[in-house]
Amino acid sequence: MSRTVGWATVLIIIAGIIQSSLLSKIAIFHVIPDLALIILVYVSYVNGSMTGQITGFVSGIFLDFLSFAPFGFNALSRTIIGSLVGLLKGTFFLDIVIFPALLCAGATIIKAIIIAIIHFLFNANTPAYHFTNNMLWIEVAINAASGPFVFAFLKLFKKILMSRKEN
């Protein structure tokens, strides 16, 4: 499991750097796909809740250093998302297009809800989504559209992104 968490964290950090540097130049309505979230969703679904929690926490700490959010903000939200997605392990057949899109859209909505709760509780210096604003729904659509492609790419790294007992 530690090897899986390590490699997944490395991929998520690389995705975070790509998001903040390259993808920000080609944003659609100032919205970019959350590649780090999509990778977390894949790793959590394939490996289960515990791996999802640990990967979400460790990668969230690193993403906190890359963002302007308060320390622990990404760690908390990604730990919860990793745990919830990991609970779905083995419950559905992971097809090529539909299920990855639904998982990524659902994870984006869960992320928005978690961020709204954190914003409500701590209000100071925390970003928040506005559910009536189009930007959230554009991000949901972009993540849902990107999900199948990222999942297909990550399947190439199945040996390093799956626990040994699953290989």
N, C-alpha and C. Protein backbone atom coordinates (compact mmCIF):
# COMPACT_ATOMS: atom_id res chain seq x y z
N MET A 1 0.82 -1.19 0.00
CA MET A 1 0.00 0.00 0.00
C MET A 1 0.86 1.26 0.00
N SER A 2 1.98 1.26 0.71
CA SER A 2 2.80 2.46 0.78
C SER A 2 3.41 2.80 -0.58
N ARG A 3 3.72 1.78 -1.37
CA ARG A 3 4.24 2.02 -2.72
C ARG A 3 3.16 2.68 -3.58
N THR A 4 1.94 2.19 -3.46
CA THR A 4 0.83 2.76 -4.22
C THR A 4 0.58 4.20 -3.81
N VAL A 5 0.55 4.47 -2.51
CA VAL A 5 0.34 5.83 -2.02
C VAL A 5 1.46 6.75 -2.49
N GLY A 6 2.69 6.27 -2.45
CA GLY A 6 3.83 7.07 -2.88
C GLY A 6 3.75 7.45 -4.35
N TRP A 7 3.50 6.47 -5.21
CA TRP A 7 3.41 6.77 -6.64
C TRP A 7 2.20 7.64 -6.95
N ALA A 8 1.07 7.36 -6.31
CA ALA A 8 -0.12 8.18 -6.54
C ALA A 8 0.12 9.62 -6.11
N THR A 9 0.79 9.80 -4.98
CA THR A 9 1.10 11.15 -4.50
C THR A 9 2.02 11.87 -5.47
N VAL A 10 3.02 11.17 -6.00
CA VAL A 10 3.92 11.78 -6.99
C VAL A 10 3.13 12.23 -8.22
N LEU A 11 2.24 11.36 -8.71
CA LEU A 11 1.42 11.73 -9.88
C LEU A 11 0.50 12.90 -9.57
N ILE A 12 -0.06 12.93 -8.37
CA ILE A 12 -0.96 14.03 -8.00
C ILE A 12 -0.19 15.34 -7.89
N ILE A 13 1.01 15.30 -7.35
CA ILE A 13 1.82 16.52 -7.26
C ILE A 13 2.19 17.02 -8.65
N ILE A 14 2.57 16.10 -9.54
CA ILE A 14 2.86 16.49 -10.93
C ILE A 14 1.62 17.09 -11.57
N ALA A 15 0.46 16.47 -11.34
CA ALA A 15 -0.79 17.01 -11.88
C ALA A 15 -1.09 18.39 -11.31
N GLY A 16 -0.82 18.59 -10.02
CA GLY A 16 -1.03 19.91 -9.40
C GLY A 16 -0.14 20.97 -10.03
N ILE A 17 1.10 20.60 -10.32
CA ILE A 17 2.01 21.55 -10.96
C ILE A 17 1.55 21.85 -12.38
N ILE A 18 1.12 20.82 -13.11
CA ILE A 18 0.61 21.03 -14.47
C ILE A 18 -0.63 21.91 -14.44
N GLN A 19 -1.52 21.67 -13.49
CA GLN A 19 -2.73 22.48 -13.36
C GLN A 19 -2.39 23.94 -13.13
N SER A 20 -1.47 24.19 -12.22
CA SER A 20 -1.19 25.58 -11.84
C SER A 20 -0.33 26.31 -12.86
N SER A 21 0.40 25.58 -13.69
CA SER A 21 1.29 26.27 -14.63
C SER A 21 0.79 26.20 -16.07
N LEU A 22 0.57 25.02 -16.59
CA LEU A 22 0.21 24.89 -18.00
C LEU A 22 -1.27 25.05 -18.28
N LEU A 23 -2.10 24.34 -17.53
CA LEU A 23 -3.53 24.35 -17.82
C LEU A 23 -4.18 25.69 -17.52
N SER A 24 -3.60 26.46 -16.64
CA SER A 24 -4.18 27.77 -16.34
C SER A 24 -4.13 28.69 -17.56
N LYS A 25 -3.25 28.40 -18.50
CA LYS A 25 -3.14 29.21 -19.72
C LYS A 25 -4.25 28.91 -20.72
N ILE A 26 -4.84 27.71 -20.62
CA ILE A 26 -5.89 27.33 -21.56
C ILE A 26 -7.23 27.09 -20.85
N ALA A 27 -7.48 27.83 -19.81
CA ALA A 27 -8.70 27.66 -19.01
C ALA A 27 -9.93 28.03 -19.82
N ILE A 28 -11.00 27.29 -19.59
CA ILE A 28 -12.28 27.57 -20.22
C ILE A 28 -13.13 28.30 -19.19
N PHE A 29 -13.46 29.55 -19.46
CA PHE A 29 -14.19 30.40 -18.51
C PHE A 29 -13.49 30.44 -17.15
N HIS A 30 -12.18 30.49 -17.16
CA HIS A 30 -11.34 30.52 -15.96
C HIS A 30 -11.46 29.25 -15.12
N VAL A 31 -11.84 28.15 -15.76
CA VAL A 31 -11.98 26.87 -15.07
C VAL A 31 -11.07 25.85 -15.77
N ILE A 32 -10.32 25.10 -14.96
CA ILE A 32 -9.45 24.05 -15.50
C ILE A 32 -9.84 22.71 -14.88
N PRO A 33 -9.55 21.61 -15.57
CA PRO A 33 -9.86 20.31 -14.96
C PRO A 33 -8.98 20.08 -13.73
N ASP A 34 -9.55 19.48 -12.73
CA ASP A 34 -8.82 19.16 -11.50
C ASP A 34 -8.20 17.77 -11.67
N LEU A 35 -7.06 17.73 -12.35
CA LEU A 35 -6.39 16.46 -12.63
C LEU A 35 -6.00 15.73 -11.35
N ALA A 36 -5.59 16.49 -10.34
CA ALA A 36 -5.21 15.89 -9.06
C ALA A 36 -6.39 15.16 -8.43
N LEU A 37 -7.57 15.75 -8.52
CA LEU A 37 -8.77 15.12 -7.98
C LEU A 37 -9.11 13.86 -8.77
N ILE A 38 -8.99 13.92 -10.08
CA ILE A 38 -9.31 12.77 -10.93
C ILE A 38 -8.36 11.60 -10.62
N ILE A 39 -7.08 11.89 -10.43
CA ILE A 39 -6.12 10.84 -10.08
C ILE A 39 -6.47 10.25 -8.71
N LEU A 40 -6.82 11.10 -7.76
CA LEU A 40 -7.22 10.61 -6.44
C LEU A 40 -8.45 9.72 -6.54
N VAL A 41 -9.42 10.11 -7.36
CA VAL A 41 -10.63 9.30 -7.54
C VAL A 41 -10.27 7.93 -8.10
N TYR A 42 -9.41 7.89 -9.10
CA TYR A 42 -9.00 6.61 -9.69
C TYR A 42 -8.31 5.72 -8.65
N VAL A 43 -7.33 6.26 -7.97
CA VAL A 43 -6.57 5.47 -6.99
C VAL A 43 -7.48 5.00 -5.86
N SER A 44 -8.38 5.85 -5.41
CA SER A 44 -9.30 5.48 -4.32
C SER A 44 -10.26 4.39 -4.76
N TYR A 45 -10.80 4.51 -5.97
CA TYR A 45 -11.75 3.51 -6.44
C TYR A 45 -11.08 2.16 -6.66
N VAL A 46 -9.88 2.17 -7.19
CA VAL A 46 -9.19 0.92 -7.50
C VAL A 46 -8.67 0.22 -6.24
N ASN A 47 -8.23 0.99 -5.24
CA ASN A 47 -7.57 0.42 -4.06
C ASN A 47 -8.39 0.41 -2.78
N GLY A 48 -9.45 1.17 -2.70
CA GLY A 48 -10.27 1.15 -1.50
C GLY A 48 -10.11 2.38 -0.62
N SER A 49 -10.87 2.37 0.45
CA SER A 49 -11.01 3.54 1.32
C SER A 49 -9.73 3.93 2.05
N MET A 50 -9.02 2.96 2.61
CA MET A 50 -7.82 3.30 3.39
C MET A 50 -6.75 3.93 2.50
N THR A 51 -6.50 3.34 1.34
CA THR A 51 -5.52 3.92 0.42
C THR A 51 -6.00 5.28 -0.05
N GLY A 52 -7.30 5.43 -0.29
CA GLY A 52 -7.86 6.71 -0.70
C GLY A 52 -7.67 7.79 0.36
N GLN A 53 -7.89 7.42 1.62
CA GLN A 53 -7.71 8.39 2.71
C GLN A 53 -6.26 8.83 2.82
N ILE A 54 -5.36 7.86 2.83
CA ILE A 54 -3.94 8.19 3.00
C ILE A 54 -3.43 9.00 1.81
N THR A 55 -3.78 8.57 0.60
CA THR A 55 -3.35 9.30 -0.59
C THR A 55 -3.95 10.70 -0.60
N GLY A 56 -5.22 10.82 -0.24
CA GLY A 56 -5.86 12.13 -0.18
C GLY A 56 -5.19 13.05 0.82
N PHE A 57 -4.85 12.52 1.98
CA PHE A 57 -4.22 13.34 3.01
C PHE A 57 -2.82 13.77 2.60
N VAL A 58 -1.99 12.81 2.19
CA VAL A 58 -0.59 13.11 1.85
C VAL A 58 -0.52 14.05 0.65
N SER A 59 -1.29 13.75 -0.39
CA SER A 59 -1.26 14.63 -1.56
C SER A 59 -1.89 15.98 -1.25
N GLY A 60 -2.90 15.99 -0.38
CA GLY A 60 -3.52 17.25 0.02
C GLY A 60 -2.56 18.17 0.75
N ILE A 61 -1.70 17.59 1.60
CA ILE A 61 -0.67 18.40 2.28
C ILE A 61 0.26 19.03 1.26
N PHE A 62 0.70 18.24 0.28
CA PHE A 62 1.58 18.79 -0.75
C PHE A 62 0.87 19.85 -1.59
N LEU A 63 -0.41 19.61 -1.91
CA LEU A 63 -1.17 20.60 -2.69
C LEU A 63 -1.40 21.88 -1.90
N ASP A 64 -1.45 21.77 -0.57
CA ASP A 64 -1.57 22.97 0.26
C ASP A 64 -0.37 23.89 0.08
N PHE A 65 0.80 23.30 -0.14
CA PHE A 65 1.99 24.11 -0.38
C PHE A 65 1.95 24.79 -1.74
N LEU A 66 1.24 24.19 -2.71
CA LEU A 66 1.15 24.77 -4.05
C LEU A 66 0.06 25.82 -4.18
N SER A 67 -0.88 25.83 -3.25
CA SER A 67 -2.02 26.75 -3.36
C SER A 67 -1.95 27.83 -2.28
N PHE A 68 -2.86 28.77 -2.40
CA PHE A 68 -2.94 29.85 -1.42
C PHE A 68 -3.97 29.57 -0.33
N ALA A 69 -4.51 28.37 -0.33
CA ALA A 69 -5.50 28.00 0.68
C ALA A 69 -4.81 27.78 2.03
N PRO A 70 -5.55 27.91 3.11
CA PRO A 70 -4.96 27.66 4.44
C PRO A 70 -4.41 26.23 4.54
N PHE A 71 -3.37 26.08 5.33
CA PHE A 71 -2.73 24.77 5.47
C PHE A 71 -3.71 23.75 6.03
N GLY A 72 -3.83 22.63 5.38
CA GLY A 72 -4.75 21.57 5.78
C GLY A 72 -6.06 21.58 5.03
N PHE A 73 -6.31 22.64 4.28
CA PHE A 73 -7.57 22.78 3.55
C PHE A 73 -7.74 21.66 2.52
N ASN A 74 -6.74 21.51 1.65
CA ASN A 74 -6.79 20.44 0.64
C ASN A 74 -6.68 19.07 1.28
N ALA A 75 -5.89 18.97 2.33
CA ALA A 75 -5.71 17.68 3.00
C ALA A 75 -7.04 17.17 3.55
N LEU A 76 -7.81 18.03 4.18
CA LEU A 76 -9.10 17.63 4.74
C LEU A 76 -10.08 17.23 3.64
N SER A 77 -10.23 18.09 2.64
CA SER A 77 -11.21 17.80 1.59
C SER A 77 -10.84 16.55 0.81
N ARG A 78 -9.57 16.37 0.51
CA ARG A 78 -9.15 15.22 -0.30
C ARG A 78 -9.15 13.92 0.52
N THR A 79 -8.94 14.02 1.81
CA THR A 79 -9.05 12.82 2.66
C THR A 79 -10.48 12.31 2.66
N ILE A 80 -11.43 13.22 2.79
CA ILE A 80 -12.84 12.83 2.80
C ILE A 80 -13.24 12.26 1.45
N ILE A 81 -12.83 12.91 0.37
CA ILE A 81 -13.18 12.43 -0.97
C ILE A 81 -12.55 11.06 -1.22
N GLY A 82 -11.28 10.89 -0.86
CA GLY A 82 -10.63 9.59 -1.03
C GLY A 82 -11.33 8.49 -0.26
N SER A 83 -11.78 8.81 0.94
CA SER A 83 -12.49 7.83 1.75
C SER A 83 -13.83 7.45 1.14
N LEU A 84 -14.60 8.46 0.72
CA LEU A 84 -15.93 8.20 0.16
C LEU A 84 -15.85 7.43 -1.15
N VAL A 85 -14.94 7.82 -2.03
CA VAL A 85 -14.80 7.11 -3.31
C VAL A 85 -14.28 5.69 -3.06
N GLY A 86 -13.37 5.54 -2.11
CA GLY A 86 -12.84 4.22 -1.78
C GLY A 86 -13.89 3.25 -1.28
N LEU A 87 -14.94 3.77 -0.67
CA LEU A 87 -16.03 2.91 -0.22
C LEU A 87 -16.75 2.24 -1.38
N LEU A 88 -16.63 2.81 -2.57
CA LEU A 88 -17.29 2.25 -3.76
C LEU A 88 -16.49 1.13 -4.42
N LYS A 89 -15.31 0.85 -3.91
CA LYS A 89 -14.44 -0.17 -4.52
C LYS A 89 -15.19 -1.50 -4.68
N GLY A 90 -15.18 -2.00 -5.89
CA GLY A 90 -15.77 -3.30 -6.17
C GLY A 90 -17.28 -3.32 -6.27
N THR A 91 -17.94 -2.19 -6.13
CA THR A 91 -19.41 -2.19 -6.19
C THR A 91 -19.94 -2.06 -7.61
N PHE A 92 -19.17 -1.45 -8.50
CA PHE A 92 -19.60 -1.25 -9.87
C PHE A 92 -18.49 -1.69 -10.81
N PHE A 93 -18.88 -2.07 -12.01
CA PHE A 93 -17.91 -2.38 -13.05
C PHE A 93 -17.37 -1.07 -13.61
N LEU A 94 -16.07 -0.94 -13.66
CA LEU A 94 -15.43 0.29 -14.14
C LEU A 94 -15.34 0.25 -15.65
N ASP A 95 -16.37 0.79 -16.32
CA ASP A 95 -16.35 0.81 -17.78
C ASP A 95 -15.41 1.90 -18.29
N ILE A 96 -15.42 2.13 -19.57
CA ILE A 96 -14.44 3.04 -20.17
C ILE A 96 -14.84 4.50 -20.04
N VAL A 97 -16.13 4.82 -20.19
CA VAL A 97 -16.53 6.22 -20.29
C VAL A 97 -17.49 6.66 -19.19
N ILE A 98 -18.59 5.98 -19.04
CA ILE A 98 -19.69 6.49 -18.22
C ILE A 98 -19.33 6.54 -16.74
N PHE A 99 -18.84 5.45 -16.19
CA PHE A 99 -18.57 5.43 -14.75
C PHE A 99 -17.44 6.37 -14.34
N PRO A 100 -16.33 6.46 -15.09
CA PRO A 100 -15.32 7.47 -14.72
C PRO A 100 -15.88 8.89 -14.76
N ALA A 101 -16.72 9.18 -15.75
CA ALA A 101 -17.32 10.51 -15.83
C ALA A 101 -18.22 10.78 -14.63
N LEU A 102 -19.03 9.79 -14.26
CA LEU A 102 -19.92 9.96 -13.10
C LEU A 102 -19.13 10.09 -11.80
N LEU A 103 -18.08 9.27 -11.64
CA LEU A 103 -17.25 9.36 -10.44
C LEU A 103 -16.60 10.74 -10.32
N CYS A 104 -16.06 11.24 -11.42
CA CYS A 104 -15.37 12.54 -11.38
C CYS A 104 -16.36 13.69 -11.15
N ALA A 105 -17.53 13.61 -11.78
CA ALA A 105 -18.54 14.64 -11.55
C ALA A 105 -19.00 14.61 -10.09
N GLY A 106 -19.26 13.42 -9.57
CA GLY A 106 -19.67 13.29 -8.17
C GLY A 106 -18.62 13.77 -7.20
N ALA A 107 -17.36 13.44 -7.48
CA ALA A 107 -16.27 13.89 -6.59
C ALA A 107 -16.13 15.41 -6.62
N THR A 108 -16.36 16.02 -7.77
CA THR A 108 -16.28 17.48 -7.86
C THR A 108 -17.40 18.12 -7.06
N ILE A 109 -18.59 17.55 -7.12
CA ILE A 109 -19.72 18.09 -6.35
C ILE A 109 -19.47 17.88 -4.85
N ILE A 110 -18.94 16.72 -4.47
CA ILE A 110 -18.60 16.48 -3.06
C ILE A 110 -17.54 17.47 -2.60
N LYS A 111 -16.55 17.72 -3.45
CA LYS A 111 -15.51 18.71 -3.11
C LYS A 111 -16.14 20.08 -2.87
N ALA A 112 -17.09 20.47 -3.71
CA ALA A 112 -17.75 21.76 -3.55
C ALA A 112 -18.55 21.82 -2.25
N ILE A 113 -19.21 20.72 -1.90
CA ILE A 113 -19.97 20.68 -0.64
C ILE A 113 -19.04 20.77 0.56
N ILE A 114 -17.95 20.01 0.53
CA ILE A 114 -16.98 20.05 1.64
C ILE A 114 -16.40 21.45 1.79
N ILE A 115 -16.05 22.06 0.67
CA ILE A 115 -15.48 23.42 0.71
C ILE A 115 -16.51 24.41 1.23
N ALA A 116 -17.78 24.24 0.85
CA ALA A 116 -18.83 25.13 1.36
C ALA A 116 -18.99 24.98 2.87
N ILE A 117 -18.91 23.76 3.37
CA ILE A 117 -19.01 23.53 4.82
C ILE A 117 -17.82 24.15 5.54
N ILE A 118 -16.62 23.95 5.01
CA ILE A 118 -15.42 24.55 5.62
C ILE A 118 -15.53 26.07 5.60
N HIS A 119 -16.01 26.62 4.48
CA HIS A 119 -16.16 28.08 4.38
C HIS A 119 -17.18 28.59 5.40
N PHE A 120 -18.27 27.84 5.59
CA PHE A 120 -19.29 28.23 6.56
C PHE A 120 -18.74 28.20 7.98
N LEU A 121 -17.97 27.16 8.30
CA LEU A 121 -17.46 27.01 9.66
C LEU A 121 -16.33 27.98 9.98
N PHE A 122 -15.43 28.21 9.02
CA PHE A 122 -14.23 29.01 9.30
C PHE A 122 -14.21 30.35 8.59
N ASN A 123 -15.06 30.55 7.64
CA ASN A 123 -15.29 31.79 6.88
C ASN A 123 -14.03 32.57 6.49
N ALA A 124 -13.09 32.74 7.34
CA ALA A 124 -11.94 33.59 7.03
C ALA A 124 -10.96 32.89 6.10
N ASN A 125 -10.63 33.55 5.03
CA ASN A 125 -9.57 33.13 4.11
C ASN A 125 -9.76 31.75 3.48
N THR A 126 -10.96 31.29 3.35
CA THR A 126 -11.17 30.03 2.66
C THR A 126 -11.97 30.29 1.39
N PRO A 127 -11.52 29.73 0.28
CA PRO A 127 -12.28 29.90 -0.95
C PRO A 127 -13.58 29.11 -0.87
N ALA A 128 -14.53 29.47 -1.68
CA ALA A 128 -15.81 28.76 -1.67
C ALA A 128 -16.41 28.74 -3.07
N TYR A 129 -17.16 27.70 -3.34
CA TYR A 129 -17.94 27.63 -4.57
C TYR A 129 -19.30 28.23 -4.30
N HIS A 130 -19.87 28.83 -5.31
CA HIS A 130 -21.25 29.31 -5.23
C HIS A 130 -22.07 28.39 -6.12
N PHE A 131 -23.02 27.70 -5.54
CA PHE A 131 -23.76 26.68 -6.27
C PHE A 131 -24.65 27.27 -7.35
N THR A 132 -24.92 28.56 -7.30
CA THR A 132 -25.71 29.19 -8.34
C THR A 132 -24.84 29.74 -9.47
N ASN A 133 -23.54 29.74 -9.26
CA ASN A 133 -22.61 30.26 -10.25
C ASN A 133 -22.29 29.17 -11.28
N ASN A 134 -22.12 29.59 -12.52
CA ASN A 134 -21.83 28.63 -13.59
C ASN A 134 -20.46 27.99 -13.46
N MET A 135 -19.52 28.62 -12.77
CA MET A 135 -18.16 28.10 -12.72
C MET A 135 -18.10 26.71 -12.09
N LEU A 136 -18.89 26.46 -11.06
CA LEU A 136 -18.91 25.14 -10.44
C LEU A 136 -19.39 24.10 -11.45
N TRP A 137 -20.46 24.39 -12.14
CA TRP A 137 -21.04 23.42 -13.06
C TRP A 137 -20.18 23.22 -14.30
N ILE A 138 -19.44 24.26 -14.68
CA ILE A 138 -18.47 24.10 -15.77
C ILE A 138 -17.35 23.18 -15.31
N GLU A 139 -16.88 23.35 -14.07
CA GLU A 139 -15.84 22.47 -13.55
C GLU A 139 -16.33 21.03 -13.45
N VAL A 140 -17.58 20.84 -13.04
CA VAL A 140 -18.14 19.49 -12.99
C VAL A 140 -18.13 18.87 -14.38
N ALA A 141 -18.55 19.64 -15.38
CA ALA A 141 -18.59 19.13 -16.76
C ALA A 141 -17.18 18.84 -17.29
N ILE A 142 -16.24 19.74 -17.02
CA ILE A 142 -14.87 19.53 -17.50
C ILE A 142 -14.23 18.32 -16.82
N ASN A 143 -14.43 18.17 -15.53
CA ASN A 143 -13.88 17.01 -14.83
C ASN A 143 -14.53 15.72 -15.31
N ALA A 144 -15.84 15.77 -15.56
CA ALA A 144 -16.53 14.58 -16.08
C ALA A 144 -16.03 14.22 -17.47
N ALA A 145 -15.77 15.22 -18.30
CA ALA A 145 -15.26 14.96 -19.65
C ALA A 145 -13.81 14.50 -19.62
N SER A 146 -13.02 15.00 -18.68
CA SER A 146 -11.60 14.63 -18.58
C SER A 146 -11.41 13.27 -17.91
N GLY A 147 -12.33 12.89 -17.05
CA GLY A 147 -12.20 11.66 -16.28
C GLY A 147 -11.89 10.41 -17.09
N PRO A 148 -12.67 10.10 -18.13
CA PRO A 148 -12.38 8.88 -18.90
C PRO A 148 -10.99 8.88 -19.53
N PHE A 149 -10.53 10.03 -19.99
CA PHE A 149 -9.20 10.10 -20.60
C PHE A 149 -8.09 9.89 -19.56
N VAL A 150 -8.25 10.53 -18.41
CA VAL A 150 -7.24 10.37 -17.35
C VAL A 150 -7.27 8.94 -16.81
N PHE A 151 -8.46 8.36 -16.64
CA PHE A 151 -8.55 6.97 -16.18
C PHE A 151 -7.86 6.03 -17.17
N ALA A 152 -8.09 6.24 -18.47
CA ALA A 152 -7.45 5.40 -19.49
C ALA A 152 -5.93 5.55 -19.43
N PHE A 153 -5.46 6.77 -19.22
CA PHE A 153 -4.02 7.00 -19.10
C PHE A 153 -3.47 6.31 -17.85
N LEU A 154 -4.19 6.41 -16.74
CA LEU A 154 -3.72 5.81 -15.48
C LEU A 154 -3.72 4.29 -15.52
N LYS A 155 -4.56 3.70 -16.37
CA LYS A 155 -4.55 2.24 -16.50
C LYS A 155 -3.22 1.74 -17.06
N LEU A 156 -2.48 2.61 -17.74
CA LEU A 156 -1.15 2.24 -18.22
C LEU A 156 -0.19 2.01 -17.06
N PHE A 157 -0.48 2.64 -15.92
CA PHE A 157 0.36 2.54 -14.72
C PHE A 157 -0.27 1.64 -13.66
N LYS A 158 -1.05 0.68 -14.10
CA LYS A 158 -1.79 -0.18 -13.19
C LYS A 158 -0.88 -0.89 -12.19
N LYS A 159 0.29 -1.31 -12.62
CA LYS A 159 1.20 -2.05 -11.73
C LYS A 159 1.65 -1.21 -10.54
N ILE A 160 1.84 0.08 -10.72
CA ILE A 160 2.31 0.91 -9.60
C ILE A 160 1.18 1.58 -8.85
N LEU A 161 -0.02 1.62 -9.44
CA LEU A 161 -1.14 2.30 -8.79
C LEU A 161 -2.13 1.36 -8.13
N MET A 162 -1.84 0.07 -8.15
CA MET A 162 -2.70 -0.90 -7.47
C MET A 162 -1.91 -1.60 -6.39
N SER A 163 -2.57 -1.90 -5.30
CA SER A 163 -1.92 -2.65 -4.22
C SER A 163 -1.48 -4.01 -4.75
N ARG A 164 -0.42 -4.55 -4.19
CA ARG A 164 0.13 -5.83 -4.67
C ARG A 164 -0.89 -6.96 -4.62
N LYS A 165 -1.73 -6.97 -3.60
CA LYS A 165 -2.69 -8.06 -3.49
C LYS A 165 -3.75 -8.00 -4.58
N GLU A 166 -3.92 -6.83 -5.22
CA GLU A 166 -4.90 -6.67 -6.28
C GLU A 166 -4.33 -7.03 -7.64
N ASN A 167 -3.01 -6.97 -7.83
CA ASN A 167 -2.39 -7.19 -9.15
C ASN A 167 -2.59 -8.59 -9.64
